[in-house]
Each structure stands twice: as C-alpha cells, then as structure tokens.
Protein backbone atom coordinates (compact mmCIF):
# COMPACT_ATOMS: atom_id res chain seq x y z
CA UNK A 1 -48.29 -2.54 -12.48
CA UNK A 2 -48.40 -6.27 -13.03
CA UNK A 3 -48.26 -7.53 -16.60
CA UNK A 4 -50.34 -10.57 -17.47
CA UNK A 5 -49.27 -13.00 -20.18
CA UNK A 6 -52.38 -13.45 -22.32
CA UNK A 7 -51.04 -16.30 -24.44
CA UNK A 8 -51.68 -19.88 -23.48
CA UNK A 9 -48.29 -21.06 -24.71
CA UNK A 10 -45.13 -19.37 -26.02
CA UNK A 11 -45.25 -21.76 -28.99
CA UNK A 12 -48.56 -20.20 -30.04
CA UNK A 13 -47.09 -16.70 -30.08
CA UNK A 14 -43.79 -16.90 -32.01
CA UNK A 15 -43.63 -13.15 -32.77
CA UNK A 16 -44.43 -11.59 -29.40
CA UNK A 17 -40.91 -10.44 -28.47
CA UNK A 18 -39.28 -10.80 -31.88
CA UNK A 19 -41.53 -8.92 -34.27
CA UNK A 20 -40.31 -7.52 -37.57
CA UNK A 21 -43.35 -5.56 -38.74
CA UNK A 22 -47.00 -4.97 -37.91
CA UNK A 23 -50.05 -4.15 -40.00
CA UNK A 24 -53.51 -2.93 -39.04
CA UNK A 25 -56.46 -4.68 -40.70
CA UNK A 26 -60.08 -3.55 -40.44
CA UNK A 27 -63.55 -4.86 -41.21
CA UNK A 28 -64.92 -1.78 -43.00
CA UNK A 29 -68.48 -3.12 -43.04
CA UNK A 30 -68.86 -2.38 -39.31
CA UNK A 31 -69.24 1.05 -37.77
CA UNK A 32 -66.86 1.77 -36.22
CA UNK A 33 -64.62 -0.63 -38.17
CA UNK A 34 -63.41 -3.70 -36.27
CA UNK A 35 -59.60 -3.70 -35.93
CA UNK A 36 -57.12 -6.59 -35.91
CA UNK A 37 -53.31 -6.42 -35.70
CA UNK A 38 -50.99 -8.66 -37.69
CA UNK A 39 -47.42 -9.09 -36.42
CA UNK A 40 -44.70 -10.92 -38.33
CA UNK A 41 -41.22 -11.96 -37.22
CA UNK A 42 -38.02 -12.11 -39.32
CA UNK A 43 -38.74 -15.74 -40.29
CA UNK A 44 -42.21 -14.83 -41.57
CA UNK A 45 -44.23 -16.40 -38.76
CA UNK A 46 -47.35 -14.33 -38.16
CA UNK A 47 -49.88 -13.83 -35.40
CA UNK A 48 -53.16 -11.94 -35.62
CA UNK A 49 -54.19 -10.19 -32.41
CA UNK A 50 -57.62 -8.91 -31.42
CA UNK A 51 -57.30 -5.66 -29.41
CA UNK A 52 -60.95 -5.89 -28.35
CA UNK A 53 -60.19 -9.24 -26.69
CA UNK A 54 -57.18 -8.02 -24.69
CA UNK A 55 -54.77 -8.62 -27.59
CA UNK A 56 -55.58 -12.32 -27.63
CA UNK A 57 -53.91 -14.27 -30.45
CA UNK A 58 -56.76 -15.37 -32.70
CA UNK A 59 -54.73 -16.81 -35.61
CA UNK A 60 -51.17 -18.00 -36.20
CA UNK A 61 -49.42 -18.99 -39.40
CA UNK A 62 -45.97 -19.92 -40.61
CA UNK A 63 -46.15 -17.46 -43.55
CA UNK A 64 -47.38 -13.95 -44.19
CA UNK A 65 -49.34 -15.16 -47.22
CA UNK A 66 -51.32 -17.61 -45.07
CA UNK A 67 -52.18 -14.87 -42.54
CA UNK A 68 -53.11 -12.45 -45.30
CA UNK A 69 -55.38 -15.02 -46.95
CA UNK A 70 -57.10 -15.72 -43.62
CA UNK A 71 -57.81 -12.01 -43.10
CA UNK A 72 -59.00 -11.52 -46.68
CA UNK A 73 -61.34 -14.53 -46.43
CA UNK A 74 -63.05 -12.81 -43.51
CA UNK A 75 -63.26 -9.63 -45.62
CA UNK A 76 -60.75 -7.64 -43.60
CA UNK A 77 -58.81 -4.96 -45.46
CA UNK A 78 -55.32 -3.70 -44.65
CA UNK A 79 -54.81 -0.08 -43.67
CA UNK A 80 -52.20 1.36 -46.00
CA UNK A 81 -48.74 1.24 -44.51
CA UNK A 82 -46.70 -1.06 -42.35
CA UNK A 83 -44.82 -0.28 -39.15
CA UNK A 84 -41.40 -1.86 -38.96
CA UNK A 85 -39.68 -2.60 -35.64
CA UNK A 86 -36.55 -0.89 -36.95
CA UNK A 87 -38.50 2.38 -37.33
CA UNK A 88 -39.03 2.49 -33.56
CA UNK A 89 -35.40 2.00 -32.58
C-alpha cells in the first residue's frame, strides 16, 4: 500500500512525526458532530487536522494557546481527555 504525503511542505506540518499529544475537538452544533484533531509537539507547535479532508492540515500555530483560541473562535469544543504519545509506547 502506497502512502501519500498530504502536506504541501514539511515546514507546514512540524508535528507530523514528532507529536507529544493529541486532542479531539468537535462542533457539537452539527449532527453528527464535525471532528477535528489537534496535535502538539514537545516544543508546543500545533497542527489542526481535518479527518474529513484526508487529514489535511487546516491550521498551524507556534503555541497550544493559539491553536486552542482558533478552535474556540469557531465554536469547537474539546472532548475530555488527551492522548499522549508516551501512552502508546
């Protein structure tokens, strides 16, 4: 099975192979809720991925706070809990 790189540039996806934790965010106003994934690396750089668009990066930020604010502005809500990369090892 061939794997396709969906990012346009490695610089736009600083957490792809070096993620520290991930969170699931939803738009609860839709039925079923629309889901986005937030991944953060050890340095705090974050990317928001859209699973419905083939996990395309739709937002990047240099801090978690910036990514969180972007999601909250669009009225997304976090699902309780966070998955850490260390939990999978």
